N, C-alpha and C. Protein backbone atom coordinates (compact mmCIF):
# COMPACT_ATOMS: atom_id res chain seq x y z
N MET A 1 62.55 177.89 207.25
CA MET A 1 62.13 177.76 208.63
C MET A 1 63.08 178.49 209.55
N ARG A 2 64.38 178.38 209.30
CA ARG A 2 65.36 179.05 210.15
C ARG A 2 65.16 180.56 210.12
N THR A 3 64.88 181.11 208.93
CA THR A 3 64.65 182.55 208.80
C THR A 3 63.39 182.95 209.55
N LEU A 4 62.33 182.16 209.44
CA LEU A 4 61.09 182.43 210.16
C LEU A 4 61.33 182.43 211.66
N LEU A 5 62.08 181.45 212.15
CA LEU A 5 62.36 181.37 213.58
C LEU A 5 63.15 182.58 214.04
N ARG A 6 64.20 182.93 213.30
CA ARG A 6 65.02 184.09 213.68
C ARG A 6 64.19 185.37 213.66
N THR A 7 63.33 185.53 212.65
CA THR A 7 62.49 186.71 212.55
C THR A 7 61.52 186.78 213.73
N ALA A 8 60.90 185.65 214.05
CA ALA A 8 59.96 185.62 215.17
C ALA A 8 60.66 185.92 216.49
N MET A 9 61.84 185.32 216.69
CA MET A 9 62.58 185.56 217.93
C MET A 9 63.04 187.01 218.01
N THR A 10 63.51 187.56 216.92
CA THR A 10 63.96 188.96 216.91
C THR A 10 62.79 189.88 217.22
N GLY A 11 61.63 189.60 216.65
CA GLY A 11 60.44 190.41 216.94
C GLY A 11 60.03 190.32 218.39
N ALA A 12 60.11 189.13 218.96
CA ALA A 12 59.74 188.96 220.37
C ALA A 12 60.70 189.73 221.27
N VAL A 13 61.99 189.68 220.95
CA VAL A 13 62.97 190.41 221.75
C VAL A 13 62.73 191.91 221.61
N ALA A 14 62.51 192.38 220.41
CA ALA A 14 62.31 193.81 220.19
C ALA A 14 61.07 194.33 220.90
N ALA A 15 60.06 193.47 221.03
CA ALA A 15 58.82 193.89 221.66
C ALA A 15 58.78 193.58 223.15
N ALA A 16 59.88 193.17 223.72
CA ALA A 16 59.91 192.74 225.12
C ALA A 16 59.47 193.84 226.07
N THR A 17 58.65 193.44 227.03
CA THR A 17 58.24 194.37 228.05
C THR A 17 58.58 193.89 229.44
N VAL A 18 58.88 192.61 229.59
CA VAL A 18 59.15 192.06 230.91
C VAL A 18 60.33 191.12 230.83
N LEU A 19 61.24 191.21 231.79
CA LEU A 19 62.32 190.25 231.91
C LEU A 19 62.16 189.54 233.24
N ALA A 20 62.29 188.19 233.23
CA ALA A 20 62.12 187.43 234.46
C ALA A 20 62.92 186.15 234.37
N CYS A 21 63.01 185.41 235.48
CA CYS A 21 63.68 184.12 235.51
C CYS A 21 62.73 183.09 236.09
N GLY A 22 62.93 181.81 235.74
CA GLY A 22 62.12 180.75 236.28
C GLY A 22 62.71 179.42 235.91
N THR A 23 62.02 178.34 236.29
CA THR A 23 62.49 177.02 235.97
C THR A 23 61.58 176.41 234.92
N ALA A 24 62.07 175.40 234.23
CA ALA A 24 61.26 174.71 233.24
C ALA A 24 60.06 174.09 233.93
N HIS A 25 58.91 174.06 233.26
CA HIS A 25 57.67 173.64 233.91
C HIS A 25 57.24 172.22 233.62
N ALA A 26 57.87 171.51 232.73
CA ALA A 26 57.46 170.14 232.45
C ALA A 26 57.84 169.26 233.63
N THR A 27 57.00 168.28 233.94
CA THR A 27 57.25 167.44 235.09
C THR A 27 57.14 165.99 234.68
N PRO A 28 57.94 165.09 235.18
CA PRO A 28 59.10 165.45 236.00
C PRO A 28 60.31 165.72 235.13
N SER A 29 60.82 166.90 235.17
CA SER A 29 62.05 167.19 234.44
C SER A 29 63.22 166.70 235.28
N GLY A 30 64.33 166.44 234.63
CA GLY A 30 65.50 165.94 235.33
C GLY A 30 66.16 167.02 236.17
N PRO A 31 67.00 166.60 237.09
CA PRO A 31 67.72 167.55 237.94
C PRO A 31 68.55 168.52 237.10
N GLY A 32 68.49 169.78 237.45
CA GLY A 32 69.30 170.78 236.77
C GLY A 32 68.68 171.38 235.54
N VAL A 33 67.53 170.88 235.07
CA VAL A 33 66.86 171.47 233.92
C VAL A 33 66.35 172.84 234.34
N SER A 34 66.66 173.87 233.55
CA SER A 34 66.25 175.21 233.94
C SER A 34 65.77 176.00 232.73
N GLY A 35 64.99 177.02 233.01
CA GLY A 35 64.51 177.92 231.98
C GLY A 35 64.64 179.35 232.46
N ARG A 36 64.93 180.23 231.51
CA ARG A 36 65.08 181.65 231.84
C ARG A 36 64.34 182.45 230.77
N VAL A 37 63.40 183.29 231.21
CA VAL A 37 62.68 184.14 230.28
C VAL A 37 63.61 185.23 229.80
N ILE A 38 63.75 185.34 228.49
CA ILE A 38 64.56 186.39 227.89
C ILE A 38 63.69 187.61 227.61
N SER A 39 62.50 187.36 227.06
CA SER A 39 61.56 188.44 226.82
C SER A 39 60.16 187.88 226.68
N GLN A 40 59.20 188.78 226.89
CA GLN A 40 57.82 188.38 226.66
C GLN A 40 56.98 189.62 226.39
N THR A 41 55.96 189.41 225.60
CA THR A 41 55.01 190.48 225.31
C THR A 41 53.66 189.83 225.00
N THR A 42 52.61 190.61 225.13
CA THR A 42 51.27 190.15 224.79
C THR A 42 50.72 191.05 223.71
N VAL A 43 50.18 190.43 222.67
CA VAL A 43 49.52 191.15 221.59
C VAL A 43 48.13 190.56 221.48
N GLY A 44 47.13 191.37 221.77
CA GLY A 44 45.76 190.86 221.77
C GLY A 44 45.62 189.79 222.85
N ASP A 45 45.17 188.62 222.44
CA ASP A 45 44.98 187.50 223.37
C ASP A 45 46.12 186.48 223.29
N THR A 46 47.28 186.87 222.75
CA THR A 46 48.38 185.94 222.55
C THR A 46 49.63 186.41 223.27
N ASP A 47 50.24 185.50 224.04
CA ASP A 47 51.51 185.76 224.70
C ASP A 47 52.63 185.22 223.82
N TYR A 48 53.66 186.04 223.61
CA TYR A 48 54.87 185.64 222.90
C TYR A 48 56.00 185.67 223.93
N VAL A 49 56.57 184.51 224.20
CA VAL A 49 57.60 184.42 225.23
C VAL A 49 58.83 183.73 224.65
N LEU A 50 59.98 184.38 224.79
CA LEU A 50 61.24 183.80 224.36
C LEU A 50 61.98 183.36 225.61
N ARG A 51 62.34 182.06 225.66
CA ARG A 51 63.04 181.50 226.82
C ARG A 51 64.28 180.76 226.38
N GLU A 52 65.22 180.72 227.29
CA GLU A 52 66.40 179.87 227.14
C GLU A 52 66.19 178.68 228.06
N ILE A 53 66.25 177.48 227.50
CA ILE A 53 66.10 176.24 228.27
C ILE A 53 67.44 175.52 228.26
N THR A 54 67.90 175.09 229.43
CA THR A 54 69.15 174.34 229.53
C THR A 54 68.84 172.97 230.12
N VAL A 55 69.30 171.93 229.43
CA VAL A 55 69.10 170.55 229.88
C VAL A 55 70.48 169.91 230.04
N PRO A 56 70.84 169.55 231.28
CA PRO A 56 72.15 168.93 231.50
C PRO A 56 72.25 167.56 230.81
N PRO A 57 73.47 167.09 230.58
CA PRO A 57 73.65 165.76 230.00
C PRO A 57 72.89 164.70 230.80
N GLY A 58 72.24 163.81 230.08
CA GLY A 58 71.53 162.70 230.71
C GLY A 58 70.16 163.04 231.27
N GLN A 59 69.69 164.27 231.09
CA GLN A 59 68.40 164.68 231.66
C GLN A 59 67.37 164.92 230.55
N SER A 60 66.12 165.16 230.97
CA SER A 60 65.05 165.41 230.01
C SER A 60 64.12 166.51 230.51
N THR A 61 63.24 166.95 229.61
CA THR A 61 62.27 167.98 229.93
C THR A 61 61.08 167.44 230.70
N GLY A 62 60.89 166.14 230.71
CA GLY A 62 59.66 165.55 231.24
C GLY A 62 58.61 165.55 230.14
N TRP A 63 57.62 164.69 230.26
CA TRP A 63 56.55 164.58 229.27
C TRP A 63 55.62 165.77 229.43
N HIS A 64 55.28 166.40 228.31
CA HIS A 64 54.45 167.59 228.36
C HIS A 64 53.90 167.92 226.97
N TYR A 65 53.03 168.91 226.94
CA TYR A 65 52.59 169.52 225.68
C TYR A 65 52.41 171.01 225.93
N HIS A 66 52.17 171.76 224.87
CA HIS A 66 52.00 173.21 224.97
C HIS A 66 50.61 173.58 224.46
N ASP A 67 50.05 174.66 225.00
CA ASP A 67 48.71 175.10 224.58
C ASP A 67 48.71 175.85 223.26
N GLY A 68 49.88 176.09 222.71
CA GLY A 68 50.02 176.76 221.42
C GLY A 68 51.31 176.31 220.77
N PRO A 69 51.59 176.80 219.58
CA PRO A 69 52.81 176.38 218.88
C PRO A 69 54.07 176.89 219.57
N VAL A 70 55.13 176.11 219.40
CA VAL A 70 56.44 176.42 219.97
C VAL A 70 57.48 176.26 218.86
N TYR A 71 58.42 177.20 218.82
CA TYR A 71 59.51 177.17 217.84
C TYR A 71 60.82 177.17 218.63
N ALA A 72 61.71 176.24 218.33
CA ALA A 72 62.95 176.13 219.09
C ALA A 72 64.16 176.13 218.17
N TYR A 73 65.23 176.71 218.67
CA TYR A 73 66.51 176.74 217.98
C TYR A 73 67.53 176.12 218.92
N VAL A 74 68.27 175.13 218.44
CA VAL A 74 69.28 174.46 219.26
C VAL A 74 70.56 175.29 219.18
N ARG A 75 70.86 175.96 220.27
CA ARG A 75 72.04 176.81 220.31
C ARG A 75 73.29 176.00 220.62
N GLN A 76 73.15 174.97 221.47
CA GLN A 76 74.31 174.16 221.89
C GLN A 76 73.83 172.75 222.19
N GLY A 77 74.65 171.77 221.87
CA GLY A 77 74.33 170.38 222.19
C GLY A 77 73.43 169.74 221.15
N THR A 78 72.80 168.64 221.55
CA THR A 78 71.92 167.89 220.67
C THR A 78 70.64 167.53 221.41
N LEU A 79 69.51 167.84 220.80
CA LEU A 79 68.20 167.50 221.34
C LEU A 79 67.70 166.22 220.69
N SER A 80 67.37 165.22 221.51
CA SER A 80 66.69 164.02 221.02
C SER A 80 65.23 164.18 221.42
N HIS A 81 64.35 164.22 220.44
CA HIS A 81 62.94 164.54 220.64
C HIS A 81 62.11 163.27 220.46
N PHE A 82 61.20 163.01 221.38
CA PHE A 82 60.38 161.79 221.35
C PHE A 82 58.91 162.15 221.48
N GLY A 83 58.08 161.51 220.66
CA GLY A 83 56.64 161.66 220.75
C GLY A 83 56.04 160.58 221.62
N SER A 84 54.73 160.61 221.76
CA SER A 84 54.04 159.68 222.66
C SER A 84 54.10 158.23 222.19
N GLY A 85 54.56 157.98 220.97
CA GLY A 85 54.73 156.60 220.50
C GLY A 85 56.05 155.99 220.94
N CYS A 86 56.84 156.72 221.71
CA CYS A 86 58.11 156.27 222.29
C CYS A 86 59.28 156.24 221.31
N ALA A 87 59.02 156.46 220.04
CA ALA A 87 60.10 156.47 219.06
C ALA A 87 60.62 157.89 218.89
N SER A 88 61.88 158.00 218.55
CA SER A 88 62.46 159.31 218.28
C SER A 88 61.77 159.90 217.05
N ASP A 89 61.34 161.16 217.17
CA ASP A 89 60.78 161.83 216.00
C ASP A 89 61.70 162.94 215.50
N GLY A 90 62.95 162.91 215.99
CA GLY A 90 63.93 163.86 215.49
C GLY A 90 65.13 164.00 216.41
N VAL A 91 66.29 164.19 215.80
CA VAL A 91 67.52 164.50 216.52
C VAL A 91 68.01 165.82 215.94
N TYR A 92 68.14 166.82 216.80
CA TYR A 92 68.44 168.17 216.36
C TYR A 92 69.77 168.62 216.96
N HIS A 93 70.71 168.93 216.08
CA HIS A 93 72.05 169.36 216.50
C HIS A 93 72.11 170.88 216.56
N ALA A 94 73.17 171.40 217.17
CA ALA A 94 73.37 172.85 217.25
C ALA A 94 73.22 173.48 215.87
N GLY A 95 72.47 174.56 215.82
CA GLY A 95 72.22 175.25 214.56
C GLY A 95 70.93 174.86 213.88
N SER A 96 70.24 173.84 214.38
CA SER A 96 68.98 173.42 213.75
C SER A 96 67.79 173.95 214.55
N SER A 97 66.63 173.91 213.90
CA SER A 97 65.41 174.39 214.55
C SER A 97 64.31 173.36 214.40
N LEU A 98 63.29 173.51 215.24
CA LEU A 98 62.14 172.61 215.17
C LEU A 98 60.89 173.36 215.58
N HIS A 99 59.77 172.79 215.21
CA HIS A 99 58.45 173.35 215.50
C HIS A 99 57.61 172.28 216.17
N GLU A 100 56.92 172.66 217.24
CA GLU A 100 55.95 171.78 217.89
C GLU A 100 54.59 172.46 217.75
N PRO A 101 53.59 171.76 217.20
CA PRO A 101 52.32 172.40 216.89
C PRO A 101 51.47 172.76 218.11
N GLY A 102 51.65 172.08 219.22
CA GLY A 102 50.88 172.36 220.42
C GLY A 102 49.61 171.56 220.50
N GLY A 103 49.01 171.57 221.67
CA GLY A 103 47.77 170.86 221.94
C GLY A 103 48.02 169.51 222.60
N PRO A 104 47.00 168.96 223.27
CA PRO A 104 47.14 167.71 224.02
C PRO A 104 47.44 166.49 223.15
N ASP A 105 47.27 166.60 221.84
CA ASP A 105 47.62 165.50 220.94
C ASP A 105 49.10 165.50 220.58
N ASP A 106 49.85 166.48 221.10
CA ASP A 106 51.28 166.59 220.81
C ASP A 106 52.12 166.41 222.08
N VAL A 107 51.86 165.34 222.82
CA VAL A 107 52.66 165.03 224.01
C VAL A 107 54.05 164.59 223.55
N HIS A 108 55.07 165.15 224.19
CA HIS A 108 56.45 164.86 223.77
C HIS A 108 57.41 165.04 224.94
N LEU A 109 58.66 164.67 224.67
CA LEU A 109 59.74 164.73 225.65
C LEU A 109 61.01 165.10 224.91
N GLY A 110 61.79 165.99 225.49
CA GLY A 110 63.11 166.31 224.94
C GLY A 110 64.17 165.74 225.85
N ARG A 111 65.15 165.06 225.26
CA ARG A 111 66.22 164.44 226.06
C ARG A 111 67.58 164.93 225.59
N ASN A 112 68.49 165.05 226.54
CA ASN A 112 69.88 165.34 226.22
C ASN A 112 70.66 164.06 226.42
N LEU A 113 70.92 163.33 225.36
CA LEU A 113 71.64 162.07 225.43
C LEU A 113 73.14 162.27 225.22
N GLY A 114 73.56 163.52 225.06
CA GLY A 114 74.96 163.83 224.82
C GLY A 114 75.72 164.06 226.11
N ASP A 115 76.96 164.54 225.97
CA ASP A 115 77.80 164.77 227.15
C ASP A 115 78.08 166.25 227.38
N THR A 116 77.35 167.14 226.68
CA THR A 116 77.46 168.58 226.92
C THR A 116 76.06 169.12 227.19
N PRO A 117 75.95 170.25 227.91
CA PRO A 117 74.62 170.81 228.14
C PRO A 117 73.91 171.14 226.83
N LEU A 118 72.61 170.90 226.80
CA LEU A 118 71.76 171.26 225.68
C LEU A 118 71.16 172.63 226.00
N VAL A 119 71.33 173.58 225.10
CA VAL A 119 70.77 174.92 225.30
C VAL A 119 69.86 175.23 224.12
N LEU A 120 68.61 175.54 224.43
CA LEU A 120 67.59 175.84 223.42
C LEU A 120 67.11 177.27 223.59
N ASP A 121 66.88 177.96 222.49
CA ASP A 121 66.15 179.22 222.48
C ASP A 121 64.76 178.86 221.99
N VAL A 122 63.74 179.12 222.82
CA VAL A 122 62.40 178.66 222.53
C VAL A 122 61.42 179.83 222.50
N LEU A 123 60.67 179.94 221.41
CA LEU A 123 59.62 180.94 221.29
C LEU A 123 58.28 180.25 221.47
N TYR A 124 57.55 180.65 222.51
CA TYR A 124 56.21 180.14 222.80
C TYR A 124 55.20 181.14 222.26
N VAL A 125 54.18 180.64 221.55
CA VAL A 125 53.08 181.46 221.06
C VAL A 125 51.83 180.86 221.69
N LEU A 126 51.39 181.47 222.80
CA LEU A 126 50.38 180.84 223.65
C LEU A 126 49.17 181.73 223.87
N PRO A 127 48.01 181.11 224.11
CA PRO A 127 46.86 181.91 224.54
C PRO A 127 47.25 182.67 225.81
N HIS A 128 46.81 183.91 225.93
CA HIS A 128 47.18 184.75 227.06
C HIS A 128 46.93 184.05 228.39
N GLY A 129 47.95 184.04 229.23
CA GLY A 129 47.85 183.46 230.56
C GLY A 129 48.14 181.98 230.65
N SER A 130 48.40 181.33 229.52
CA SER A 130 48.69 179.89 229.54
C SER A 130 50.07 179.62 230.14
N PRO A 131 50.24 178.46 230.78
CA PRO A 131 51.58 178.09 231.25
C PRO A 131 52.47 177.73 230.06
N PHE A 132 53.79 177.72 230.29
CA PHE A 132 54.72 177.35 229.22
C PHE A 132 54.46 175.94 228.72
N SER A 133 54.09 175.05 229.63
CA SER A 133 53.79 173.67 229.24
C SER A 133 52.78 173.09 230.19
N GLU A 134 52.13 172.03 229.73
CA GLU A 134 51.17 171.28 230.53
C GLU A 134 51.78 169.91 230.79
N ASP A 135 51.83 169.51 232.06
CA ASP A 135 52.37 168.20 232.42
C ASP A 135 51.55 167.10 231.77
N ALA A 136 52.22 166.02 231.41
CA ALA A 136 51.54 164.86 230.85
C ALA A 136 52.18 163.61 231.44
N PRO A 137 51.39 162.56 231.66
CA PRO A 137 51.98 161.33 232.16
C PRO A 137 52.84 160.65 231.10
N ASN A 138 53.78 159.85 231.55
CA ASN A 138 54.57 159.04 230.62
C ASN A 138 53.57 158.15 229.86
N PRO A 139 53.59 158.18 228.53
CA PRO A 139 52.63 157.39 227.76
C PRO A 139 52.95 155.90 227.70
N GLY A 140 53.87 155.45 228.52
CA GLY A 140 54.22 154.03 228.54
C GLY A 140 55.60 153.74 227.99
N CYS A 141 56.40 154.77 227.83
CA CYS A 141 57.76 154.59 227.30
C CYS A 141 58.70 154.13 228.41
N PRO A 142 59.74 153.39 228.08
CA PRO A 142 60.66 152.86 229.10
C PRO A 142 61.69 153.90 229.57
N PHE A 143 61.43 155.18 229.32
CA PHE A 143 62.36 156.23 229.73
C PHE A 143 61.54 157.45 230.12
N GLN A 144 62.19 158.34 230.86
CA GLN A 144 61.57 159.61 231.26
C GLN A 144 62.27 160.75 230.58
């Protein structure tokens, strides 16, 4: 999986046509959560976007889902990942990777429960023109 992620990210960077900056789109994300587009390209009807996401200690991405698959690499810190059932579905330390399949049945939240910034390299594989994420309401969990 790590090799696949690195290959996909390297390909996205090599094929980059646009560089831009922006903020993370999940709502409500915690204060200071930010995203920066590293590269993006479109092949056919699919957008490939590589972003750096930074989540400060004690903050989260907000509840959301993606319209296509997402591949992430934890560059720094620890990601605590939660699904709509409110239970942790994974804790990812620096050097690890994860895959989110996408779609409205994959509502999730990423939290930084550590004391250092969480930095993720994220490859989005989305239908052309789709947002990075779709906002979702809290599914009833006692945290945001």
